[in-house]
Amino acid sequence: MPGRDCEMEVHLSPTWKLSTEHPASSEERPVLVDCVTSEAFGPDDLIELYPGRGLAPAADGVHTLAKLARLDAEGQSLVSRFLAHRPRRE
């Protein structure tokens, strides 16, 4: 498949990962994937990061998880790419 030669995946926690390998990822833009359900989310999608914590934008969840995860440069790059695709709000 064209454009899939640089697929990447990084686990942010046991239940969440960023991936360009998921079918919902396009143009090498990573999506946040629920490891239990395999559901994919974009930066502005509302997610419940942990049960009982309420809904928040996926970008906020990735920001939180990335602070806690020990990411190498490739993982940090994937986080930056995910966060960069969040539409600007006025």
PDB file of N, CA and C in Angstrom:
ATOM      1  N   MET A   1       0.854  -1.178   0.000  1.00  0.00           N
ATOM      2  CA  MET A   1       0.000   0.000   0.000  1.00  0.00           C
ATOM      3  C   MET A   1       0.899   1.240   0.000  1.00  0.00           C
ATOM      4  N   PRO A   2       0.730   2.167  -0.908  1.00  0.00           N
ATOM      5  CA  PRO A   2       1.559   3.358  -0.964  1.00  0.00           C
ATOM      6  C   PRO A   2       1.438   4.183   0.308  1.00  0.00           C
ATOM      7  N   GLY A   3       2.553   4.782   0.738  1.00  0.00           N
ATOM      8  CA  GLY A   3       2.538   5.651   1.897  1.00  0.00           C
ATOM      9  C   GLY A   3       2.595   4.916   3.218  1.00  0.00           C
ATOM     10  N   ARG A   4       2.709   3.605   3.189  1.00  0.00           N
ATOM     11  CA  ARG A   4       2.716   2.820   4.417  1.00  0.00           C
ATOM     12  C   ARG A   4       4.095   2.250   4.723  1.00  0.00           C
ATOM     13  N   ASP A   5       5.132   2.771   4.115  1.00  0.00           N
ATOM     14  CA  ASP A   5       6.472   2.233   4.346  1.00  0.00           C
ATOM     15  C   ASP A   5       7.096   2.757   5.633  1.00  0.00           C
ATOM     16  N   CYS A   6       6.518   3.745   6.266  1.00  0.00           N
ATOM     17  CA  CYS A   6       7.065   4.315   7.505  1.00  0.00           C
ATOM     18  C   CYS A   6       6.091   4.143   8.659  1.00  0.00           C
ATOM     19  N   GLU A   7       5.421   2.999   8.726  1.00  0.00           N
ATOM     20  CA  GLU A   7       4.449   2.774   9.789  1.00  0.00           C
ATOM     21  C   GLU A   7       5.138   2.740  11.140  1.00  0.00           C
ATOM     22  N   MET A   8       4.473   3.345  12.123  1.00  0.00           N
ATOM     23  CA  MET A   8       5.032   3.428  13.471  1.00  0.00           C
ATOM     24  C   MET A   8       3.927   3.179  14.480  1.00  0.00           C
ATOM     25  N   GLU A   9       4.362   2.723  15.660  1.00  0.00           N
ATOM     26  CA  GLU A   9       3.434   2.490  16.752  1.00  0.00           C
ATOM     27  C   GLU A   9       4.190   2.672  18.064  1.00  0.00           C
ATOM     28  N   VAL A  10       3.552   3.333  19.021  1.00  0.00           N
ATOM     29  CA  VAL A  10       4.159   3.507  20.343  1.00  0.00           C
ATOM     30  C   VAL A  10       3.066   3.331  21.401  1.00  0.00           C
ATOM     31  N   HIS A  11       3.362   2.492  22.386  1.00  0.00           N
ATOM     32  CA  HIS A  11       2.423   2.276  23.491  1.00  0.00           C
ATOM     33  C   HIS A  11       2.627   3.360  24.535  1.00  0.00           C
ATOM     34  N   LEU A  12       1.542   4.053  24.859  1.00  0.00           N
ATOM     35  CA  LEU A  12       1.583   5.107  25.871  1.00  0.00           C
ATOM     36  C   LEU A  12       1.206   4.562  27.245  1.00  0.00           C
ATOM     37  N   SER A  13       0.452   3.479  27.257  1.00  0.00           N
ATOM     38  CA  SER A  13       0.028   2.810  28.489  1.00  0.00           C
ATOM     39  C   SER A  13      -0.409   1.410  28.074  1.00  0.00           C
ATOM     40  N   PRO A  14      -0.754   0.556  29.027  1.00  0.00           N
ATOM     41  CA  PRO A  14      -1.227  -0.775  28.644  1.00  0.00           C
ATOM     42  C   PRO A  14      -2.510  -0.754  27.792  1.00  0.00           C
ATOM     43  N   THR A  15      -3.271   0.326  27.875  1.00  0.00           N
ATOM     44  CA  THR A  15      -4.543   0.370  27.152  1.00  0.00           C
ATOM     45  C   THR A  15      -4.603   1.370  26.002  1.00  0.00           C
ATOM     46  N   TRP A  16      -3.566   2.165  25.801  1.00  0.00           N
ATOM     47  CA  TRP A  16      -3.574   3.180  24.739  1.00  0.00           C
ATOM     48  C   TRP A  16      -2.260   3.172  23.971  1.00  0.00           C
ATOM     49  N   LYS A  17      -2.373   3.351  22.647  1.00  0.00           N
ATOM     50  CA  LYS A  17      -1.176   3.480  21.816  1.00  0.00           C
ATOM     51  C   LYS A  17      -1.444   4.475  20.699  1.00  0.00           C
ATOM     52  N   LEU A  18      -0.375   5.067  20.195  1.00  0.00           N
ATOM     53  CA  LEU A  18      -0.441   5.891  18.983  1.00  0.00           C
ATOM     54  C   LEU A  18       0.054   5.032  17.839  1.00  0.00           C
ATOM     55  N   SER A  19      -0.606   5.137  16.700  1.00  0.00           N
ATOM     56  CA  SER A  19      -0.232   4.267  15.588  1.00  0.00           C
ATOM     57  C   SER A  19      -0.499   4.920  14.241  1.00  0.00           C
ATOM     58  N   THR A  20       0.407   4.647  13.308  1.00  0.00           N
ATOM     59  CA  THR A  20       0.149   4.962  11.907  1.00  0.00           C
ATOM     60  C   THR A  20      -0.200   3.674  11.160  1.00  0.00           C
ATOM     61  N   GLU A  21      -0.236   2.554  11.888  1.00  0.00           N
ATOM     62  CA  GLU A  21      -0.548   1.251  11.293  1.00  0.00           C
ATOM     63  C   GLU A  21      -2.043   0.964  11.247  1.00  0.00           C
ATOM     64  N   HIS A  22      -2.830   1.662  12.049  1.00  0.00           N
ATOM     65  CA  HIS A  22      -4.278   1.439  12.106  1.00  0.00           C
ATOM     66  C   HIS A  22      -4.913   1.911  10.798  1.00  0.00           C
ATOM     67  N   PRO A  23      -5.937   1.202  10.309  1.00  0.00           N
ATOM     68  CA  PRO A  23      -6.598   1.624   9.063  1.00  0.00           C
ATOM     69  C   PRO A  23      -7.151   3.051   9.103  1.00  0.00           C
ATOM     70  N   ALA A  24      -7.465   3.576  10.287  1.00  0.00           N
ATOM     71  CA  ALA A  24      -7.993   4.945  10.391  1.00  0.00           C
ATOM     72  C   ALA A  24      -6.916   5.999  10.185  1.00  0.00           C
ATOM     73  N   SER A  25      -5.662   5.608  10.251  1.00  0.00           N
ATOM     74  CA  SER A  25      -4.559   6.544  10.012  1.00  0.00           C
ATOM     75  C   SER A  25      -4.438   6.789   8.511  1.00  0.00           C
ATOM     76  N   SER A  26      -4.268   8.053   8.156  1.00  0.00           N
ATOM     77  CA  SER A  26      -4.072   8.377   6.738  1.00  0.00           C
ATOM     78  C   SER A  26      -2.923   9.369   6.609  1.00  0.00           C
ATOM     79  N   GLU A  27      -2.263   9.310   5.489  1.00  0.00           N
ATOM     80  CA  GLU A  27      -1.141  10.214   5.203  1.00  0.00           C
ATOM     81  C   GLU A  27      -0.124  10.216   6.344  1.00  0.00           C
ATOM     82  N   GLU A  28       0.084   9.042   6.936  1.00  0.00           N
ATOM     83  CA  GLU A  28       1.044   8.858   8.028  1.00  0.00           C
ATOM     84  C   GLU A  28       0.724   9.710   9.253  1.00  0.00           C
ATOM     85  N   ARG A  29      -0.535  10.105   9.394  1.00  0.00           N
ATOM     86  CA  ARG A  29      -0.977  10.815  10.603  1.00  0.00           C
ATOM     87  C   ARG A  29      -1.346   9.780  11.651  1.00  0.00           C
ATOM     88  N   PRO A  30      -0.738   9.845  12.814  1.00  0.00           N
ATOM     89  CA  PRO A  30      -1.069   8.853  13.840  1.00  0.00           C
ATOM     90  C   PRO A  30      -2.462   9.060  14.413  1.00  0.00           C
ATOM     91  N   VAL A  31      -3.034   7.959  14.890  1.00  0.00           N
ATOM     92  CA  VAL A  31      -4.297   7.989  15.612  1.00  0.00           C
ATOM     93  C   VAL A  31      -4.063   7.360  16.979  1.00  0.00           C
ATOM     94  N   LEU A  32      -4.880   7.737  17.937  1.00  0.00           N
ATOM     95  CA  LEU A  32      -4.846   7.126  19.257  1.00  0.00           C
ATOM     96  C   LEU A  32      -5.738   5.895  19.198  1.00  0.00           C
ATOM     97  N   VAL A  33      -5.197   4.759  19.623  1.00  0.00           N
ATOM     98  CA  VAL A  33      -5.932   3.500  19.528  1.00  0.00           C
ATOM     99  C   VAL A  33      -6.166   2.926  20.918  1.00  0.00           C
ATOM    100  N   ASP A  34      -7.418   2.558  21.184  1.00  0.00           N
ATOM    101  CA  ASP A  34      -7.779   1.839  22.404  1.00  0.00           C
ATOM    102  C   ASP A  34      -7.338   0.388  22.185  1.00  0.00           C
ATOM    103  N   CYS A  35      -6.393  -0.096  22.958  1.00  0.00           N
ATOM    104  CA  CYS A  35      -5.843  -1.439  22.761  1.00  0.00           C
ATOM    105  C   CYS A  35      -6.866  -2.536  23.060  1.00  0.00           C
ATOM    106  N   VAL A  36      -7.911  -2.222  23.815  1.00  0.00           N
ATOM    107  CA  VAL A  36      -8.929  -3.213  24.148  1.00  0.00           C
ATOM    108  C   VAL A  36      -9.928  -3.371  23.004  1.00  0.00           C
ATOM    109  N   THR A  37     -10.390  -2.250  22.449  1.00  0.00           N
ATOM    110  CA  THR A  37     -11.434  -2.289  21.424  1.00  0.00           C
ATOM    111  C   THR A  37     -10.909  -2.095  20.003  1.00  0.00           C
ATOM    112  N   SER A  38      -9.677  -1.645  19.872  1.00  0.00           N
ATOM    113  CA  SER A  38      -9.048  -1.289  18.584  1.00  0.00           C
ATOM    114  C   SER A  38      -9.695  -0.073  17.926  1.00  0.00           C
ATOM    115  N   GLU A  39     -10.530   0.669  18.667  1.00  0.00           N
ATOM    116  CA  GLU A  39     -11.149   1.885  18.138  1.00  0.00           C
ATOM    117  C   GLU A  39     -10.099   2.984  18.053  1.00  0.00           C
ATOM    118  N   ALA A  40     -10.135   3.746  16.978  1.00  0.00           N
ATOM    119  CA  ALA A  40      -9.156   4.808  16.747  1.00  0.00           C
ATOM    120  C   ALA A  40      -9.799   6.175  16.958  1.00  0.00           C
ATOM    121  N   PHE A  41      -8.980   7.111  17.429  1.00  0.00           N
ATOM    122  CA  PHE A  41      -9.446   8.460  17.730  1.00  0.00           C
ATOM    123  C   PHE A  41      -8.470   9.487  17.184  1.00  0.00           C
ATOM    124  N   GLY A  42      -9.021  10.610  16.707  1.00  0.00           N
ATOM    125  CA  GLY A  42      -8.218  11.747  16.306  1.00  0.00           C
ATOM    126  C   GLY A  42      -8.052  12.696  17.483  1.00  0.00           C
ATOM    127  N   PRO A  43      -7.233  13.729  17.330  1.00  0.00           N
ATOM    128  CA  PRO A  43      -6.930  14.642  18.435  1.00  0.00           C
ATOM    129  C   PRO A  43      -8.138  15.308  19.083  1.00  0.00           C
ATOM    130  N   ASP A  44      -9.168  15.621  18.327  1.00  0.00           N
ATOM    131  CA  ASP A  44     -10.335  16.310  18.883  1.00  0.00           C
ATOM    132  C   ASP A  44     -11.462  15.370  19.300  1.00  0.00           C
ATOM    133  N   ASP A  45     -11.310  14.083  19.061  1.00  0.00           N
ATOM    134  CA  ASP A  45     -12.336  13.136  19.498  1.00  0.00           C
ATOM    135  C   ASP A  45     -12.363  13.075  21.018  1.00  0.00           C
ATOM    136  N   LEU A  46     -13.545  12.933  21.568  1.00  0.00           N
ATOM    137  CA  LEU A  46     -13.676  12.834  23.019  1.00  0.00           C
ATOM    138  C   LEU A  46     -13.497  11.384  23.456  1.00  0.00           C
ATOM    139  N   ILE A  47     -12.657  11.204  24.469  1.00  0.00           N
ATOM    140  CA  ILE A  47     -12.392   9.867  24.996  1.00  0.00           C
ATOM    141  C   ILE A  47     -12.481   9.899  26.516  1.00  0.00           C
ATOM    142  N   GLU A  48     -12.657   8.729  27.089  1.00  0.00           N
ATOM    143  CA  GLU A  48     -12.548   8.570  28.528  1.00  0.00           C
ATOM    144  C   GLU A  48     -11.242   7.822  28.756  1.00  0.00           C
ATOM    145  N   LEU A  49     -10.206   8.552  29.116  1.00  0.00           N
ATOM    146  CA  LEU A  49      -8.863   7.987  29.244  1.00  0.00           C
ATOM    147  C   LEU A  49      -8.842   6.826  30.226  1.00  0.00           C
ATOM    148  N   TYR A  50      -9.503   7.022  31.348  1.00  0.00           N
ATOM    149  CA  TYR A  50      -9.640   5.981  32.367  1.00  0.00           C
ATOM    150  C   TYR A  50     -11.086   5.990  32.840  1.00  0.00           C
ATOM    151  N   PRO A  51     -11.635   4.834  33.203  1.00  0.00           N
ATOM    152  CA  PRO A  51     -13.027   4.791  33.667  1.00  0.00           C
ATOM    153  C   PRO A  51     -13.265   5.766  34.831  1.00  0.00           C
ATOM    154  N   GLY A  52     -14.377   6.494  34.724  1.00  0.00           N
ATOM    155  CA  GLY A  52     -14.760   7.418  35.777  1.00  0.00           C
ATOM    156  C   GLY A  52     -14.109   8.787  35.722  1.00  0.00           C
ATOM    157  N   ARG A  53     -13.233   9.033  34.739  1.00  0.00           N
ATOM    158  CA  ARG A  53     -12.547  10.334  34.660  1.00  0.00           C
ATOM    159  C   ARG A  53     -13.265  11.324  33.758  1.00  0.00           C
ATOM    160  N   GLY A  54     -14.319  10.902  33.110  1.00  0.00           N
ATOM    161  CA  GLY A  54     -15.062  11.803  32.237  1.00  0.00           C
ATOM    162  C   GLY A  54     -14.427  11.921  30.858  1.00  0.00           C
ATOM    163  N   LEU A  55     -15.116  12.617  29.985  1.00  0.00           N
ATOM    164  CA  LEU A  55     -14.662  12.777  28.601  1.00  0.00           C
ATOM    165  C   LEU A  55     -13.753  13.989  28.459  1.00  0.00           C
ATOM    166  N   ALA A  56     -12.748  13.832  27.609  1.00  0.00           N
ATOM    167  CA  ALA A  56     -11.818  14.917  27.291  1.00  0.00           C
ATOM    168  C   ALA A  56     -11.285  14.665  25.882  1.00  0.00           C
ATOM    169  N   PRO A  57     -10.801  15.711  25.208  1.00  0.00           N
ATOM    170  CA  PRO A  57     -10.215  15.505  23.880  1.00  0.00           C
ATOM    171  C   PRO A  57      -9.045  14.514  23.939  1.00  0.00           C
ATOM    172  N   ALA A  58      -8.952  13.688  22.923  1.00  0.00           N
ATOM    173  CA  ALA A  58      -7.875  12.700  22.852  1.00  0.00           C
ATOM    174  C   ALA A  58      -6.502  13.369  22.940  1.00  0.00           C
ATOM    175  N   ALA A  59      -6.367  14.567  22.384  1.00  0.00           N
ATOM    176  CA  ALA A  59      -5.081  15.278  22.450  1.00  0.00           C
ATOM    177  C   ALA A  59      -4.669  15.522  23.899  1.00  0.00           C
ATOM    178  N   ASP A  60      -5.629  15.850  24.758  1.00  0.00           N
ATOM    179  CA  ASP A  60      -5.319  16.053  26.175  1.00  0.00           C
ATOM    180  C   ASP A  60      -4.846  14.746  26.805  1.00  0.00           C
ATOM    181  N   GLY A  61      -5.508  13.641  26.454  1.00  0.00           N
ATOM    182  CA  GLY A  61      -5.109  12.343  26.969  1.00  0.00           C
ATOM    183  C   GLY A  61      -3.719  11.946  26.523  1.00  0.00           C
ATOM    184  N   VAL A  62      -3.410  12.183  25.255  1.00  0.00           N
ATOM    185  CA  VAL A  62      -2.073  11.858  24.740  1.00  0.00           C
ATOM    186  C   VAL A  62      -1.024  12.710  25.443  1.00  0.00           C
ATOM    187  N   HIS A  63      -1.317  13.974  25.636  1.00  0.00           N
ATOM    188  CA  HIS A  63      -0.382  14.863  26.329  1.00  0.00           C
ATOM    189  C   HIS A  63      -0.087  14.326  27.733  1.00  0.00           C
ATOM    190  N   THR A  64      -1.134  13.918  28.448  1.00  0.00           N
ATOM    191  CA  THR A  64      -0.980  13.379  29.798  1.00  0.00           C
ATOM    192  C   THR A  64      -0.188  12.076  29.795  1.00  0.00           C
ATOM    193  N   LEU A  65      -0.564  11.149  28.921  1.00  0.00           N
ATOM    194  CA  LEU A  65       0.109   9.854  28.874  1.00  0.00           C
ATOM    195  C   LEU A  65       1.564   9.980  28.445  1.00  0.00           C
ATOM    196  N   ALA A  66       1.836  10.898  27.521  1.00  0.00           N
ATOM    197  CA  ALA A  66       3.210  11.067  27.032  1.00  0.00           C
ATOM    198  C   ALA A  66       4.136  11.554  28.137  1.00  0.00           C
ATOM    199  N   LYS A  67       3.599  12.352  29.068  1.00  0.00           N
ATOM    200  CA  LYS A  67       4.413  12.822  30.193  1.00  0.00           C
ATOM    201  C   LYS A  67       4.821  11.668  31.099  1.00  0.00           C
ATOM    202  N   LEU A  68       3.956  10.661  31.208  1.00  0.00           N
ATOM    203  CA  LEU A  68       4.202   9.531  32.097  1.00  0.00           C
ATOM    204  C   LEU A  68       5.008   8.408  31.437  1.00  0.00           C
ATOM    205  N   ALA A  69       4.887   8.298  30.120  1.00  0.00           N
ATOM    206  CA  ALA A  69       5.573   7.226  29.390  1.00  0.00           C
ATOM    207  C   ALA A  69       7.040   7.588  29.163  1.00  0.00           C
ATOM    208  N   ARG A  70       7.856   6.588  29.122  1.00  0.00           N
ATOM    209  CA  ARG A  70       9.275   6.803  28.802  1.00  0.00           C
ATOM    210  C   ARG A  70       9.444   6.583  27.305  1.00  0.00           C
ATOM    211  N   LEU A  71       9.352   7.671  26.571  1.00  0.00           N
ATOM    212  CA  LEU A  71       9.371   7.594  25.113  1.00  0.00           C
ATOM    213  C   LEU A  71      10.748   7.921  24.562  1.00  0.00           C
ATOM    214  N   ASP A  72      11.134   7.174  23.548  1.00  0.00           N
ATOM    215  CA  ASP A  72      12.365   7.506  22.842  1.00  0.00           C
ATOM    216  C   ASP A  72      12.048   8.618  21.839  1.00  0.00           C
ATOM    217  N   ALA A  73      13.033   9.025  21.080  1.00  0.00           N
ATOM    218  CA  ALA A  73      12.841  10.131  20.135  1.00  0.00           C
ATOM    219  C   ALA A  73      11.759   9.817  19.109  1.00  0.00           C
ATOM    220  N   GLU A  74      11.690   8.577  18.669  1.00  0.00           N
ATOM    221  CA  GLU A  74      10.672   8.187  17.694  1.00  0.00           C
ATOM    222  C   GLU A  74       9.270   8.292  18.305  1.00  0.00           C
ATOM    223  N   GLY A  75       9.124   7.858  19.555  1.00  0.00           N
ATOM    224  CA  GLY A  75       7.844   7.960  20.246  1.00  0.00           C
ATOM    225  C   GLY A  75       7.439   9.405  20.458  1.00  0.00           C
ATOM    226  N   GLN A  76       8.386  10.239  20.845  1.00  0.00           N
ATOM    227  CA  GLN A  76       8.106  11.658  21.038  1.00  0.00           C
ATOM    228  C   GLN A  76       7.693  12.314  19.727  1.00  0.00           C
ATOM    229  N   SER A  77       8.319  11.887  18.651  1.00  0.00           N
ATOM    230  CA  SER A  77       7.974  12.419  17.333  1.00  0.00           C
ATOM    231  C   SER A  77       6.540  12.056  16.956  1.00  0.00           C
ATOM    232  N   LEU A  78       6.135  10.826  17.259  1.00  0.00           N
ATOM    233  CA  LEU A  78       4.773  10.395  16.955  1.00  0.00           C
ATOM    234  C   LEU A  78       3.757  11.196  17.771  1.00  0.00           C
ATOM    235  N   VAL A  79       4.070  11.438  19.043  1.00  0.00           N
ATOM    236  CA  VAL A  79       3.197  12.271  19.894  1.00  0.00           C
ATOM    237  C   VAL A  79       3.082  13.672  19.296  1.00  0.00           C
ATOM    238  N   SER A  80       4.200  14.257  18.914  1.00  0.00           N
ATOM    239  CA  SER A  80       4.188  15.611  18.327  1.00  0.00           C
ATOM    240  C   SER A  80       3.354  15.656  17.055  1.00  0.00           C
ATOM    241  N   ARG A  81       3.477  14.628  16.230  1.00  0.00           N
ATOM    242  CA  ARG A  81       2.704  14.584  14.985  1.00  0.00           C
ATOM    243  C   ARG A  81       1.211  14.469  15.270  1.00  0.00           C
ATOM    244  N   PHE A  82       0.842  13.691  16.289  1.00  0.00           N
ATOM    245  CA  PHE A  82      -0.575  13.567  16.654  1.00  0.00           C
ATOM    246  C   PHE A  82      -1.114  14.909  17.143  1.00  0.00           C
ATOM    247  N   LEU A  83      -0.380  15.546  18.036  1.00  0.00           N
ATOM    248  CA  LEU A  83      -0.827  16.815  18.607  1.00  0.00           C
ATOM    249  C   LEU A  83      -0.849  17.936  17.577  1.00  0.00           C
ATOM    250  N   ALA A  84       0.010  17.869  16.583  1.00  0.00           N
ATOM    251  CA  ALA A  84       0.081  18.914  15.556  1.00  0.00           C
ATOM    252  C   ALA A  84      -1.163  18.950  14.673  1.00  0.00           C
ATOM    253  N   HIS A  85      -1.916  17.872  14.630  1.00  0.00           N
ATOM    254  CA  HIS A  85      -3.084  17.814  13.749  1.00  0.00           C
ATOM    255  C   HIS A  85      -4.380  18.173  14.453  1.00  0.00           C
ATOM    256  N   ARG A  86      -4.242  18.741  15.640  1.00  0.00           N
ATOM    257  CA  ARG A  86      -5.429  19.208  16.354  1.00  0.00           C
ATOM    258  C   ARG A  86      -5.822  20.559  15.770  1.00  0.00           C
ATOM    259  N   PRO A  87      -7.057  20.691  15.310  1.00  0.00           N
ATOM    260  CA  PRO A  87      -7.485  21.990  14.755  1.00  0.00           C
ATOM    261  C   PRO A  87      -7.373  23.099  15.795  1.00  0.00           C
ATOM    262  N   ARG A  88      -6.985  24.252  15.347  1.00  0.00           N
ATOM    263  CA  ARG A  88      -6.868  25.416  16.243  1.00  0.00           C
ATOM    264  C   ARG A  88      -8.255  25.911  16.590  1.00  0.00           C
ATOM    265  N   ARG A  89      -8.420  26.285  17.856  1.00  0.00           N
ATOM    266  CA  ARG A  89      -9.707  26.817  18.310  1.00  0.00           C
ATOM    267  C   ARG A  89      -9.568  28.310  18.556  1.00  0.00           C
ATOM    268  N   GLU A  90     -10.661  29.010  18.335  1.00  0.00           N
ATOM    269  CA  GLU A  90     -10.633  30.462  18.549  1.00  0.00           C
ATOM    270  C   GLU A  90     -11.341  30.820  19.810  1.00  0.00           C
TER     271      GLU A  90
END
